[in-house]
Amino acid sequence: MHEHDYVHRDLKPENFVIGLDKEENIIYLIDFGLSKKYKDSKGDHILYKEGKSILGTVRYVSIYTHLGIEQSRRDDIESLGYILIYLAKGVLPWQGLKAKTQKERYKLIMNKKIENKPEILCNGLPDAFSQFFEYARGIQFNEKPDYGYLKGLFVRTLSKINYQNDSIFDWCKHIKPVDLYQNHIPKYNMLDIIKKLESLVKNEEKASQEE
């Protein structure tokens, strides 16, 4: 989405769906009702604004969104981080908070997100999670996230346990290795992926320096 100049603005587990039958190893992103272009007709990044209403699912919105700041790519990244924590732990620290009004509840959730520094929020999980959040919360409003770096954090974690991505996930019932071969979906070795990601990051850094 970001490559096509859009931010989703409502990332949550419910908006990721799994394909059927031979496509059950494909995860689709849906529900673009709140999506918005982060570049104008001239290709320039939209302007920084404050005083915006909260948009999205409060459980997963970024701290910047709570603060009323216009959403950009960094907010999708932070929301994705909360989704990863939720899927890994099954719960987020601000779930179930009670308040007299919606406004008070939103403020309690925001305070919880601020209080939970990356090392606290990601306690018990591999370092990749806390490193993800440390990076995500430092992205500037109009900055392009380093997607290669973020992916690489988890790829390297998987490589440490000698995990190989065969694109056959736990829920796959209809897909077999032969199907993957026939559909030309490659079976990657984690070390190969790491090398490709590192090369990608280096190329992006080189391109950034040239700019």
N, C-alpha and C. Protein backbone atom coordinates (compact mmCIF):
# COMPACT_ATOMS: atom_id res chain seq x y z
N MET A 1 0.83 -1.20 0.00
CA MET A 1 0.00 0.00 0.00
C MET A 1 0.86 1.25 0.00
N HIS A 2 1.88 1.25 0.83
CA HIS A 2 2.76 2.41 0.93
C HIS A 2 3.46 2.69 -0.40
N GLU A 3 3.81 1.65 -1.12
CA GLU A 3 4.45 1.84 -2.41
C GLU A 3 3.52 2.53 -3.40
N HIS A 4 2.21 2.40 -3.17
CA HIS A 4 1.22 3.05 -4.03
C HIS A 4 0.68 4.34 -3.40
N ASP A 5 1.42 4.85 -2.42
CA ASP A 5 1.15 6.16 -1.81
C ASP A 5 -0.07 6.20 -0.90
N TYR A 6 -0.47 5.04 -0.37
CA TYR A 6 -1.60 5.01 0.55
C TYR A 6 -1.18 4.50 1.92
N VAL A 7 -1.83 5.01 2.96
CA VAL A 7 -1.71 4.43 4.30
C VAL A 7 -3.06 3.82 4.64
N HIS A 8 -3.05 2.70 5.36
CA HIS A 8 -4.28 1.96 5.63
C HIS A 8 -5.12 2.62 6.71
N ARG A 9 -4.48 2.98 7.83
CA ARG A 9 -5.08 3.70 8.95
C ARG A 9 -6.08 2.89 9.79
N ASP A 10 -6.19 1.59 9.53
CA ASP A 10 -7.04 0.75 10.40
C ASP A 10 -6.54 -0.68 10.40
N LEU A 11 -5.24 -0.85 10.62
CA LEU A 11 -4.68 -2.20 10.67
C LEU A 11 -5.09 -2.88 11.96
N LYS A 12 -5.59 -4.10 11.84
CA LYS A 12 -5.98 -4.93 12.98
C LYS A 12 -6.08 -6.37 12.49
N PRO A 13 -6.03 -7.35 13.38
CA PRO A 13 -6.05 -8.75 12.94
C PRO A 13 -7.24 -9.08 12.03
N GLU A 14 -8.39 -8.47 12.33
CA GLU A 14 -9.59 -8.77 11.55
C GLU A 14 -9.48 -8.34 10.09
N ASN A 15 -8.55 -7.47 9.79
CA ASN A 15 -8.39 -7.00 8.41
C ASN A 15 -7.33 -7.77 7.64
N PHE A 16 -6.89 -8.88 8.19
CA PHE A 16 -6.01 -9.80 7.47
C PHE A 16 -6.77 -11.11 7.31
N VAL A 17 -6.99 -11.53 6.08
CA VAL A 17 -7.75 -12.75 5.83
C VAL A 17 -6.91 -13.74 5.02
N ILE A 18 -7.27 -15.01 5.13
CA ILE A 18 -6.48 -16.08 4.52
C ILE A 18 -7.21 -16.63 3.29
N GLY A 19 -6.46 -16.88 2.24
CA GLY A 19 -7.03 -17.42 1.01
C GLY A 19 -7.59 -18.82 1.19
N LEU A 20 -8.36 -19.26 0.23
CA LEU A 20 -9.01 -20.56 0.29
C LEU A 20 -8.29 -21.59 -0.59
N ASP A 21 -8.41 -22.84 -0.17
CA ASP A 21 -7.87 -23.96 -0.94
C ASP A 21 -6.39 -23.76 -1.29
N LYS A 22 -6.08 -23.71 -2.59
CA LYS A 22 -4.68 -23.62 -3.01
C LYS A 22 -4.07 -22.24 -2.72
N GLU A 23 -4.88 -21.30 -2.24
CA GLU A 23 -4.37 -19.97 -1.91
C GLU A 23 -4.34 -19.74 -0.39
N GLU A 24 -4.42 -20.83 0.38
CA GLU A 24 -4.48 -20.66 1.83
C GLU A 24 -3.14 -20.28 2.45
N ASN A 25 -2.11 -20.19 1.65
CA ASN A 25 -0.83 -19.69 2.16
C ASN A 25 -0.63 -18.22 1.78
N ILE A 26 -1.69 -17.60 1.25
CA ILE A 26 -1.64 -16.18 0.92
C ILE A 26 -2.49 -15.41 1.92
N ILE A 27 -1.91 -14.39 2.54
CA ILE A 27 -2.63 -13.56 3.49
C ILE A 27 -2.96 -12.24 2.81
N TYR A 28 -4.25 -11.91 2.81
CA TYR A 28 -4.71 -10.70 2.13
C TYR A 28 -5.04 -9.60 3.14
N LEU A 29 -4.78 -8.36 2.75
CA LEU A 29 -5.15 -7.20 3.55
C LEU A 29 -6.44 -6.64 2.97
N ILE A 30 -7.43 -6.35 3.83
CA ILE A 30 -8.73 -5.89 3.36
C ILE A 30 -9.16 -4.62 4.10
N ASP A 31 -10.32 -4.12 3.74
CA ASP A 31 -11.01 -3.00 4.37
C ASP A 31 -10.21 -1.70 4.26
N PHE A 32 -10.38 -1.05 3.13
CA PHE A 32 -9.64 0.19 2.86
C PHE A 32 -10.51 1.44 3.03
N GLY A 33 -11.60 1.29 3.80
CA GLY A 33 -12.54 2.40 3.99
C GLY A 33 -11.95 3.63 4.63
N LEU A 34 -10.90 3.45 5.45
CA LEU A 34 -10.28 4.58 6.13
C LEU A 34 -8.93 4.95 5.51
N SER A 35 -8.58 4.28 4.43
CA SER A 35 -7.29 4.54 3.79
C SER A 35 -7.23 5.94 3.19
N LYS A 36 -6.02 6.46 3.09
CA LYS A 36 -5.83 7.81 2.58
C LYS A 36 -4.47 7.93 1.90
N LYS A 37 -4.40 8.75 0.88
CA LYS A 37 -3.12 9.00 0.22
C LYS A 37 -2.25 9.88 1.13
N TYR A 38 -0.98 9.49 1.26
CA TYR A 38 -0.08 10.31 2.05
C TYR A 38 0.76 11.23 1.16
N LYS A 39 0.46 11.20 -0.15
CA LYS A 39 1.10 12.13 -1.09
C LYS A 39 0.00 12.85 -1.86
N ASP A 40 0.25 14.12 -2.17
CA ASP A 40 -0.73 14.88 -2.93
C ASP A 40 -0.55 14.66 -4.42
N SER A 41 -1.31 15.39 -5.23
CA SER A 41 -1.29 15.20 -6.68
C SER A 41 0.07 15.52 -7.30
N LYS A 42 0.88 16.31 -6.60
CA LYS A 42 2.21 16.67 -7.09
C LYS A 42 3.28 15.66 -6.64
N GLY A 43 2.87 14.69 -5.81
CA GLY A 43 3.82 13.70 -5.32
C GLY A 43 4.52 14.11 -4.05
N ASP A 44 4.08 15.23 -3.47
CA ASP A 44 4.67 15.70 -2.22
C ASP A 44 3.94 15.08 -1.03
N HIS A 45 4.68 14.85 0.05
CA HIS A 45 4.07 14.29 1.26
C HIS A 45 3.06 15.28 1.84
N ILE A 46 1.96 14.73 2.35
CA ILE A 46 0.94 15.59 2.96
C ILE A 46 1.53 16.35 4.14
N LEU A 47 0.91 17.45 4.51
CA LEU A 47 1.43 18.31 5.56
C LEU A 47 1.13 17.76 6.96
N TYR A 48 2.02 18.06 7.86
CA TYR A 48 1.85 17.69 9.27
C TYR A 48 0.69 18.52 9.85
N LYS A 49 -0.25 17.85 10.49
CA LYS A 49 -1.38 18.54 11.12
C LYS A 49 -1.65 17.97 12.51
N GLU A 50 -2.18 18.80 13.37
CA GLU A 50 -2.58 18.38 14.71
C GLU A 50 -4.08 18.64 14.88
N GLY A 51 -4.63 18.15 16.00
CA GLY A 51 -6.04 18.37 16.27
C GLY A 51 -6.97 17.44 15.53
N LYS A 52 -6.44 16.32 15.02
CA LYS A 52 -7.26 15.36 14.29
C LYS A 52 -7.97 14.42 15.27
N SER A 53 -9.15 13.94 14.88
CA SER A 53 -9.87 12.96 15.70
C SER A 53 -9.23 11.59 15.54
N ILE A 54 -9.43 10.74 16.55
CA ILE A 54 -8.88 9.38 16.47
C ILE A 54 -9.59 8.63 15.36
N LEU A 55 -8.80 8.04 14.48
CA LEU A 55 -9.33 7.29 13.35
C LEU A 55 -8.69 5.91 13.35
N GLY A 56 -9.53 4.87 13.34
CA GLY A 56 -9.00 3.51 13.37
C GLY A 56 -9.50 2.77 14.60
N THR A 57 -9.01 1.57 14.80
CA THR A 57 -9.38 0.75 15.95
C THR A 57 -8.46 1.10 17.11
N VAL A 58 -9.01 1.67 18.18
CA VAL A 58 -8.22 2.26 19.25
C VAL A 58 -7.21 1.30 19.86
N ARG A 59 -7.54 0.04 19.92
CA ARG A 59 -6.61 -0.93 20.50
C ARG A 59 -5.27 -0.93 19.78
N TYR A 60 -5.28 -0.66 18.48
CA TYR A 60 -4.07 -0.79 17.67
C TYR A 60 -3.52 0.54 17.12
N VAL A 61 -4.22 1.66 17.33
CA VAL A 61 -3.72 2.91 16.75
C VAL A 61 -2.43 3.35 17.44
N SER A 62 -1.67 4.16 16.74
CA SER A 62 -0.39 4.64 17.25
C SER A 62 -0.58 5.71 18.32
N ILE A 63 0.47 5.97 19.06
CA ILE A 63 0.46 7.04 20.07
C ILE A 63 0.23 8.38 19.38
N TYR A 64 0.83 8.58 18.22
CA TYR A 64 0.65 9.83 17.48
C TYR A 64 -0.82 10.05 17.13
N THR A 65 -1.52 8.96 16.79
CA THR A 65 -2.93 9.07 16.45
C THR A 65 -3.73 9.49 17.69
N HIS A 66 -3.38 8.92 18.84
CA HIS A 66 -4.03 9.33 20.10
C HIS A 66 -3.83 10.83 20.34
N LEU A 67 -2.66 11.32 19.98
CA LEU A 67 -2.33 12.72 20.21
C LEU A 67 -2.95 13.66 19.18
N GLY A 68 -3.68 13.10 18.22
CA GLY A 68 -4.38 13.92 17.24
C GLY A 68 -3.53 14.38 16.07
N ILE A 69 -2.44 13.67 15.82
CA ILE A 69 -1.55 14.04 14.73
C ILE A 69 -1.94 13.28 13.46
N GLU A 70 -1.91 13.98 12.34
CA GLU A 70 -2.21 13.38 11.04
C GLU A 70 -1.43 12.08 10.86
N GLN A 71 -2.11 11.04 10.34
CA GLN A 71 -1.45 9.74 10.18
C GLN A 71 -0.62 9.69 8.90
N SER A 72 0.48 8.97 8.99
CA SER A 72 1.35 8.73 7.85
C SER A 72 1.86 7.29 7.92
N ARG A 73 2.88 6.96 7.17
CA ARG A 73 3.36 5.57 7.11
C ARG A 73 3.79 5.05 8.48
N ARG A 74 4.37 5.92 9.30
CA ARG A 74 4.85 5.48 10.61
C ARG A 74 3.74 4.92 11.48
N ASP A 75 2.52 5.43 11.30
CA ASP A 75 1.40 4.98 12.13
C ASP A 75 0.96 3.56 11.75
N ASP A 76 1.00 3.24 10.46
CA ASP A 76 0.72 1.86 10.04
C ASP A 76 1.75 0.91 10.63
N ILE A 77 3.01 1.34 10.67
CA ILE A 77 4.07 0.48 11.20
C ILE A 77 3.86 0.21 12.68
N GLU A 78 3.54 1.26 13.45
CA GLU A 78 3.32 1.06 14.89
C GLU A 78 2.10 0.17 15.13
N SER A 79 1.03 0.37 14.34
CA SER A 79 -0.15 -0.48 14.47
C SER A 79 0.18 -1.93 14.18
N LEU A 80 1.00 -2.16 13.15
CA LEU A 80 1.42 -3.53 12.82
C LEU A 80 2.17 -4.15 14.00
N GLY A 81 2.98 -3.33 14.67
CA GLY A 81 3.71 -3.82 15.84
C GLY A 81 2.77 -4.30 16.93
N TYR A 82 1.72 -3.54 17.19
CA TYR A 82 0.74 -3.94 18.22
C TYR A 82 0.04 -5.24 17.82
N ILE A 83 -0.22 -5.40 16.52
CA ILE A 83 -0.83 -6.64 16.04
C ILE A 83 0.09 -7.83 16.30
N LEU A 84 1.38 -7.66 16.02
CA LEU A 84 2.35 -8.74 16.23
C LEU A 84 2.41 -9.13 17.71
N ILE A 85 2.38 -8.12 18.59
CA ILE A 85 2.39 -8.39 20.03
C ILE A 85 1.13 -9.15 20.44
N TYR A 86 0.01 -8.69 19.92
CA TYR A 86 -1.28 -9.33 20.24
C TYR A 86 -1.30 -10.79 19.78
N LEU A 87 -0.80 -11.04 18.57
CA LEU A 87 -0.80 -12.41 18.06
C LEU A 87 0.19 -13.29 18.82
N ALA A 88 1.28 -12.68 19.29
CA ALA A 88 2.30 -13.46 20.01
C ALA A 88 1.89 -13.75 21.45
N LYS A 89 1.26 -12.78 22.10
CA LYS A 89 0.92 -12.91 23.52
C LYS A 89 -0.56 -13.21 23.77
N GLY A 90 -1.40 -12.85 22.82
CA GLY A 90 -2.83 -13.07 22.99
C GLY A 90 -3.54 -11.94 23.71
N VAL A 91 -2.80 -10.93 24.12
CA VAL A 91 -3.41 -9.82 24.87
C VAL A 91 -2.48 -8.61 24.83
N LEU A 92 -3.07 -7.42 24.94
CA LEU A 92 -2.31 -6.18 25.04
C LEU A 92 -2.63 -5.54 26.39
N PRO A 93 -1.68 -4.85 27.01
CA PRO A 93 -1.84 -4.33 28.36
C PRO A 93 -3.04 -3.40 28.56
N TRP A 94 -3.53 -2.78 27.51
CA TRP A 94 -4.62 -1.81 27.65
C TRP A 94 -5.99 -2.39 27.33
N GLN A 95 -6.07 -3.69 27.14
CA GLN A 95 -7.38 -4.31 26.92
C GLN A 95 -8.17 -4.35 28.22
N GLY A 96 -9.46 -4.10 28.11
CA GLY A 96 -10.33 -4.21 29.27
C GLY A 96 -10.34 -3.02 30.21
N LEU A 97 -9.71 -1.92 29.83
CA LEU A 97 -9.71 -0.74 30.69
C LEU A 97 -11.10 -0.12 30.73
N LYS A 98 -11.56 0.26 31.93
CA LYS A 98 -12.88 0.82 32.13
C LYS A 98 -12.79 2.32 32.41
N ALA A 99 -13.78 3.05 31.94
CA ALA A 99 -13.85 4.49 32.19
C ALA A 99 -15.30 4.93 32.04
N LYS A 100 -15.62 6.11 32.58
CA LYS A 100 -16.99 6.61 32.53
C LYS A 100 -17.38 7.05 31.13
N THR A 101 -16.43 7.59 30.41
CA THR A 101 -16.72 8.07 29.06
C THR A 101 -15.72 7.48 28.07
N GLN A 102 -16.09 7.54 26.80
CA GLN A 102 -15.19 7.05 25.75
C GLN A 102 -13.91 7.86 25.72
N LYS A 103 -14.03 9.17 25.91
CA LYS A 103 -12.86 10.05 25.89
C LYS A 103 -11.88 9.68 26.99
N GLU A 104 -12.40 9.39 28.20
CA GLU A 104 -11.54 9.00 29.32
C GLU A 104 -10.88 7.66 29.05
N ARG A 105 -11.64 6.75 28.45
CA ARG A 105 -11.10 5.42 28.14
C ARG A 105 -9.97 5.54 27.12
N TYR A 106 -10.16 6.34 26.09
CA TYR A 106 -9.14 6.54 25.08
C TYR A 106 -7.86 7.11 25.70
N LYS A 107 -8.04 8.02 26.67
CA LYS A 107 -6.89 8.62 27.33
C LYS A 107 -6.15 7.58 28.17
N LEU A 108 -6.89 6.70 28.83
CA LEU A 108 -6.27 5.63 29.62
C LEU A 108 -5.46 4.70 28.72
N ILE A 109 -6.02 4.38 27.56
CA ILE A 109 -5.33 3.49 26.61
C ILE A 109 -4.05 4.17 26.12
N MET A 110 -4.14 5.45 25.78
CA MET A 110 -2.96 6.18 25.33
C MET A 110 -1.87 6.18 26.39
N ASN A 111 -2.26 6.46 27.64
CA ASN A 111 -1.28 6.49 28.74
C ASN A 111 -0.61 5.13 28.92
N LYS A 112 -1.39 4.06 28.75
CA LYS A 112 -0.84 2.71 28.87
C LYS A 112 0.19 2.45 27.77
N LYS A 113 -0.12 2.92 26.57
CA LYS A 113 0.81 2.72 25.46
C LYS A 113 2.10 3.49 25.71
N ILE A 114 1.98 4.70 26.26
CA ILE A 114 3.17 5.50 26.55
C ILE A 114 3.98 4.89 27.67
N GLU A 115 3.29 4.38 28.70
CA GLU A 115 3.98 3.78 29.85
C GLU A 115 4.73 2.52 29.47
N ASN A 116 4.15 1.76 28.54
CA ASN A 116 4.75 0.48 28.15
C ASN A 116 5.86 0.71 27.13
N LYS A 117 7.04 0.99 27.62
CA LYS A 117 8.21 1.13 26.76
C LYS A 117 8.43 -0.20 26.03
N PRO A 118 9.15 -0.18 24.91
CA PRO A 118 9.35 -1.40 24.12
C PRO A 118 9.82 -2.61 24.95
N GLU A 119 10.78 -2.38 25.87
CA GLU A 119 11.30 -3.51 26.64
C GLU A 119 10.25 -4.10 27.59
N ILE A 120 9.28 -3.26 28.01
CA ILE A 120 8.21 -3.74 28.89
C ILE A 120 7.13 -4.43 28.05
N LEU A 121 6.71 -3.76 27.00
CA LEU A 121 5.66 -4.27 26.13
C LEU A 121 6.05 -5.62 25.52
N CYS A 122 7.33 -5.78 25.21
CA CYS A 122 7.79 -6.98 24.51
C CYS A 122 8.48 -7.97 25.44
N ASN A 123 8.30 -7.81 26.73
CA ASN A 123 8.92 -8.71 27.70
C ASN A 123 8.52 -10.17 27.44
N GLY A 124 9.50 -11.04 27.39
CA GLY A 124 9.23 -12.45 27.15
C GLY A 124 9.26 -12.85 25.69
N LEU A 125 9.41 -11.88 24.80
CA LEU A 125 9.46 -12.16 23.37
C LEU A 125 10.89 -11.95 22.85
N PRO A 126 11.21 -12.50 21.69
CA PRO A 126 12.55 -12.28 21.11
C PRO A 126 12.85 -10.79 20.95
N ASP A 127 14.12 -10.44 20.97
CA ASP A 127 14.55 -9.04 20.88
C ASP A 127 14.01 -8.34 19.65
N ALA A 128 13.70 -9.08 18.61
CA ALA A 128 13.21 -8.46 17.37
C ALA A 128 11.98 -7.61 17.62
N PHE A 129 11.13 -8.02 18.55
CA PHE A 129 9.90 -7.28 18.83
C PHE A 129 10.19 -5.91 19.43
N SER A 130 11.04 -5.86 20.45
CA SER A 130 11.35 -4.58 21.09
C SER A 130 12.14 -3.68 20.13
N GLN A 131 13.01 -4.28 19.33
CA GLN A 131 13.77 -3.51 18.34
C GLN A 131 12.84 -2.92 17.28
N PHE A 132 11.81 -3.68 16.94
CA PHE A 132 10.80 -3.20 16.00
C PHE A 132 10.14 -1.93 16.54
N PHE A 133 9.74 -1.97 17.83
CA PHE A 133 9.05 -0.82 18.43
C PHE A 133 9.98 0.36 18.65
N GLU A 134 11.19 0.10 19.02
CA GLU A 134 12.15 1.20 19.20
C GLU A 134 12.33 1.97 17.90
N TYR A 135 12.35 1.22 16.81
CA TYR A 135 12.48 1.85 15.50
C TYR A 135 11.18 2.56 15.11
N ALA A 136 10.04 1.85 15.26
CA ALA A 136 8.75 2.38 14.83
C ALA A 136 8.41 3.69 15.51
N ARG A 137 8.70 3.79 16.81
CA ARG A 137 8.34 5.00 17.55
C ARG A 137 9.30 6.15 17.29
N GLY A 138 10.34 5.90 16.53
CA GLY A 138 11.29 6.96 16.21
C GLY A 138 11.18 7.47 14.78
N ILE A 139 10.26 6.88 14.00
CA ILE A 139 10.09 7.31 12.61
C ILE A 139 9.48 8.71 12.57
N GLN A 140 10.03 9.55 11.72
CA GLN A 140 9.51 10.90 11.57
C GLN A 140 8.25 10.91 10.68
N PHE A 141 7.48 11.98 10.79
CA PHE A 141 6.18 12.06 10.12
C PHE A 141 6.24 11.74 8.62
N ASN A 142 7.19 12.35 7.91
CA ASN A 142 7.24 12.15 6.46
C ASN A 142 8.35 11.20 6.03
N GLU A 143 8.89 10.46 6.97
CA GLU A 143 10.00 9.54 6.69
C GLU A 143 9.50 8.22 6.11
N LYS A 144 10.27 7.69 5.16
CA LYS A 144 9.97 6.36 4.63
C LYS A 144 10.54 5.31 5.57
N PRO A 145 9.69 4.42 6.10
CA PRO A 145 10.18 3.37 6.99
C PRO A 145 11.17 2.45 6.27
N ASP A 146 12.11 1.92 7.01
CA ASP A 146 13.08 0.98 6.45
C ASP A 146 12.47 -0.42 6.55
N TYR A 147 11.69 -0.79 5.55
CA TYR A 147 10.98 -2.07 5.57
C TYR A 147 11.94 -3.25 5.59
N GLY A 148 13.04 -3.11 4.87
CA GLY A 148 14.03 -4.19 4.84
C GLY A 148 14.60 -4.46 6.22
N TYR A 149 14.87 -3.40 6.97
CA TYR A 149 15.40 -3.55 8.32
C TYR A 149 14.39 -4.26 9.21
N LEU A 150 13.12 -3.83 9.14
CA LEU A 150 12.09 -4.40 10.01
C LEU A 150 11.85 -5.87 9.70
N LYS A 151 11.81 -6.22 8.42
CA LYS A 151 11.65 -7.62 8.04
C LYS A 151 12.86 -8.43 8.49
N GLY A 152 14.02 -7.83 8.32
CA GLY A 152 15.26 -8.52 8.67
C GLY A 152 15.34 -8.89 10.14
N LEU A 153 14.75 -8.07 11.01
CA LEU A 153 14.75 -8.37 12.45
C LEU A 153 14.16 -9.75 12.72
N PHE A 154 13.04 -10.05 12.06
CA PHE A 154 12.35 -11.31 12.30
C PHE A 154 12.97 -12.46 11.50
N VAL A 155 13.46 -12.14 10.32
CA VAL A 155 14.13 -13.17 9.51
C VAL A 155 15.35 -13.70 10.25
N ARG A 156 16.13 -12.79 10.84
CA ARG A 156 17.32 -13.22 11.58
C ARG A 156 16.95 -14.02 12.82
N THR A 157 15.83 -13.65 13.45
CA THR A 157 15.37 -14.41 14.61
C THR A 157 15.03 -15.83 14.22
N LEU A 158 14.33 -15.98 13.10
CA LEU A 158 13.95 -17.31 12.63
C LEU A 158 15.18 -18.13 12.23
N SER A 159 16.16 -17.45 11.66
CA SER A 159 17.36 -18.17 11.22
C SER A 159 18.13 -18.76 12.40
N LYS A 160 18.00 -18.10 13.56
CA LYS A 160 18.71 -18.58 14.75
C LYS A 160 18.19 -19.94 15.21
N ILE A 161 16.93 -20.23 14.87
CA ILE A 161 16.37 -21.54 15.25
C ILE A 161 16.30 -22.46 14.04
N ASN A 162 17.08 -22.08 13.00
CA ASN A 162 17.18 -22.90 11.78
C ASN A 162 15.83 -23.15 11.12
N TYR A 163 14.96 -22.13 11.18
CA TYR A 163 13.65 -22.25 10.54
C TYR A 163 13.77 -21.93 9.06
N GLN A 164 13.17 -22.75 8.23
CA GLN A 164 13.15 -22.51 6.79
C GLN A 164 11.72 -22.23 6.34
N ASN A 165 11.54 -21.16 5.60
CA ASN A 165 10.22 -20.79 5.12
C ASN A 165 9.85 -21.61 3.88
N ASP A 166 8.91 -22.54 4.06
CA ASP A 166 8.46 -23.35 2.93
C ASP A 166 7.09 -22.87 2.43
N SER A 167 6.60 -21.75 3.00
CA SER A 167 5.30 -21.17 2.63
C SER A 167 4.12 -22.07 2.96
N ILE A 168 4.36 -23.11 3.77
CA ILE A 168 3.27 -23.98 4.22
C ILE A 168 3.05 -23.68 5.71
N PHE A 169 2.02 -22.90 6.00
CA PHE A 169 1.79 -22.46 7.37
C PHE A 169 0.99 -23.50 8.16
N ASP A 170 0.88 -23.26 9.46
CA ASP A 170 0.25 -24.22 10.36
C ASP A 170 -1.18 -24.59 9.93
N TRP A 171 -1.88 -23.63 9.34
CA TRP A 171 -3.28 -23.86 9.00
C TRP A 171 -3.48 -24.47 7.62
N CYS A 172 -2.42 -24.64 6.85
CA CYS A 172 -2.55 -25.14 5.47
C CYS A 172 -2.89 -26.63 5.44
N LYS A 173 -3.96 -26.95 4.74
CA LYS A 173 -4.39 -28.34 4.61
C LYS A 173 -4.35 -28.82 3.15
N HIS A 174 -4.49 -27.88 2.23
CA HIS A 174 -4.58 -28.25 0.82
C HIS A 174 -3.29 -28.07 0.04
N ILE A 175 -2.30 -27.47 0.70
CA ILE A 175 -1.05 -27.17 -0.01
C ILE A 175 0.05 -28.14 0.39
N LYS A 176 0.72 -28.68 -0.60
CA LYS A 176 1.84 -29.58 -0.38
C LYS A 176 3.05 -29.01 -1.12
N PRO A 177 4.25 -29.43 -0.76
CA PRO A 177 5.44 -28.93 -1.45
C PRO A 177 5.36 -29.01 -2.96
N VAL A 178 4.75 -30.07 -3.49
CA VAL A 178 4.65 -30.23 -4.94
C VAL A 178 3.78 -29.12 -5.53
N ASP A 179 2.73 -28.70 -4.78
CA ASP A 179 1.87 -27.62 -5.26
C ASP A 179 2.66 -26.32 -5.35
N LEU A 180 3.50 -26.09 -4.36
CA LEU A 180 4.32 -24.89 -4.35
C LEU A 180 5.23 -24.87 -5.57
N TYR A 181 5.78 -26.03 -5.87
CA TYR A 181 6.70 -26.12 -7.02
C TYR A 181 5.95 -25.85 -8.33
N GLN A 182 4.77 -26.44 -8.46
CA GLN A 182 4.00 -26.29 -9.68
C GLN A 182 3.53 -24.85 -9.87
N ASN A 183 3.28 -24.17 -8.77
CA ASN A 183 2.82 -22.78 -8.85
C ASN A 183 3.97 -21.79 -8.86
N HIS A 184 5.19 -22.33 -8.92
CA HIS A 184 6.39 -21.50 -9.00
C HIS A 184 6.56 -20.59 -7.79
N ILE A 185 6.10 -21.05 -6.63
CA ILE A 185 6.34 -20.31 -5.40
C ILE A 185 7.61 -20.88 -4.78
N PRO A 186 8.69 -20.12 -4.75
CA PRO A 186 9.99 -20.66 -4.31
C PRO A 186 10.02 -21.01 -2.84
N LYS A 187 10.82 -22.00 -2.52
CA LYS A 187 11.08 -22.37 -1.12
C LYS A 187 12.39 -21.69 -0.73
N TYR A 188 12.30 -20.69 0.13
CA TYR A 188 13.47 -19.91 0.49
C TYR A 188 14.17 -20.46 1.71
N ASN A 189 15.47 -20.40 1.67
CA ASN A 189 16.26 -20.66 2.85
C ASN A 189 16.44 -19.34 3.58
N MET A 190 16.30 -19.33 4.90
CA MET A 190 16.35 -18.09 5.67
C MET A 190 17.65 -17.32 5.45
N LEU A 191 18.75 -18.04 5.31
CA LEU A 191 20.04 -17.36 5.13
C LEU A 191 20.06 -16.61 3.80
N ASP A 192 19.42 -17.19 2.77
CA ASP A 192 19.34 -16.52 1.48
C ASP A 192 18.51 -15.25 1.58
N ILE A 193 17.42 -15.34 2.36
CA ILE A 193 16.55 -14.18 2.53
C ILE A 193 17.30 -13.07 3.26
N ILE A 194 18.07 -13.44 4.28
CA ILE A 194 18.84 -12.45 5.03
C ILE A 194 19.79 -11.71 4.10
N LYS A 195 20.49 -12.47 3.25
CA LYS A 195 21.45 -11.86 2.32
C LYS A 195 20.73 -10.89 1.38
N LYS A 196 19.55 -11.29 0.92
CA LYS A 196 18.79 -10.43 0.00
C LYS A 196 18.33 -9.16 0.72
N LEU A 197 17.86 -9.32 1.98
CA LEU A 197 17.41 -8.16 2.74
C LEU A 197 18.55 -7.21 3.05
N GLU A 198 19.70 -7.78 3.42
CA GLU A 198 20.86 -6.95 3.71
C GLU A 198 21.29 -6.19 2.46
N SER A 199 21.22 -6.86 1.32
CA SER A 199 21.57 -6.22 0.06
C SER A 199 20.58 -5.10 -0.25
N LEU A 200 19.29 -5.37 0.04
CA LEU A 200 18.26 -4.37 -0.18
C LEU A 200 18.49 -3.13 0.67
N VAL A 201 18.80 -3.38 1.95
CA VAL A 201 19.05 -2.28 2.88
C VAL A 201 20.24 -1.44 2.41
N LYS A 202 21.31 -2.12 2.00
CA LYS A 202 22.51 -1.41 1.53
C LYS A 202 22.20 -0.56 0.30
N ASN A 203 21.40 -1.12 -0.61
CA ASN A 203 21.03 -0.38 -1.82
C ASN A 203 20.20 0.85 -1.48
N GLU A 204 19.28 0.68 -0.48
CA GLU A 204 18.45 1.81 -0.07
C GLU A 204 19.29 2.89 0.59
N GLU A 205 20.26 2.46 1.40
CA GLU A 205 21.14 3.42 2.07
C GLU A 205 21.97 4.17 1.02
N LYS A 206 22.45 3.43 0.02
CA LYS A 206 23.26 4.04 -1.03
C LYS A 206 22.43 5.04 -1.82
N ALA A 207 21.18 4.66 -2.13
CA ALA A 207 20.29 5.54 -2.88
C ALA A 207 19.97 6.80 -2.07
N SER A 208 19.79 6.60 -0.75
CA SER A 208 19.49 7.74 0.13
C SER A 208 20.65 8.72 0.19
N GLN A 209 21.88 8.18 0.24
CA GLN A 209 23.07 9.03 0.29
C GLN A 209 23.23 9.81 -1.01
N GLU A 210 22.90 9.14 -2.12
CA GLU A 210 23.03 9.79 -3.43
C GLU A 210 22.03 10.93 -3.57
N GLU A 211 20.85 10.76 -2.93
CA GLU A 211 19.83 11.82 -2.97
C GLU A 211 20.32 13.04 -2.18
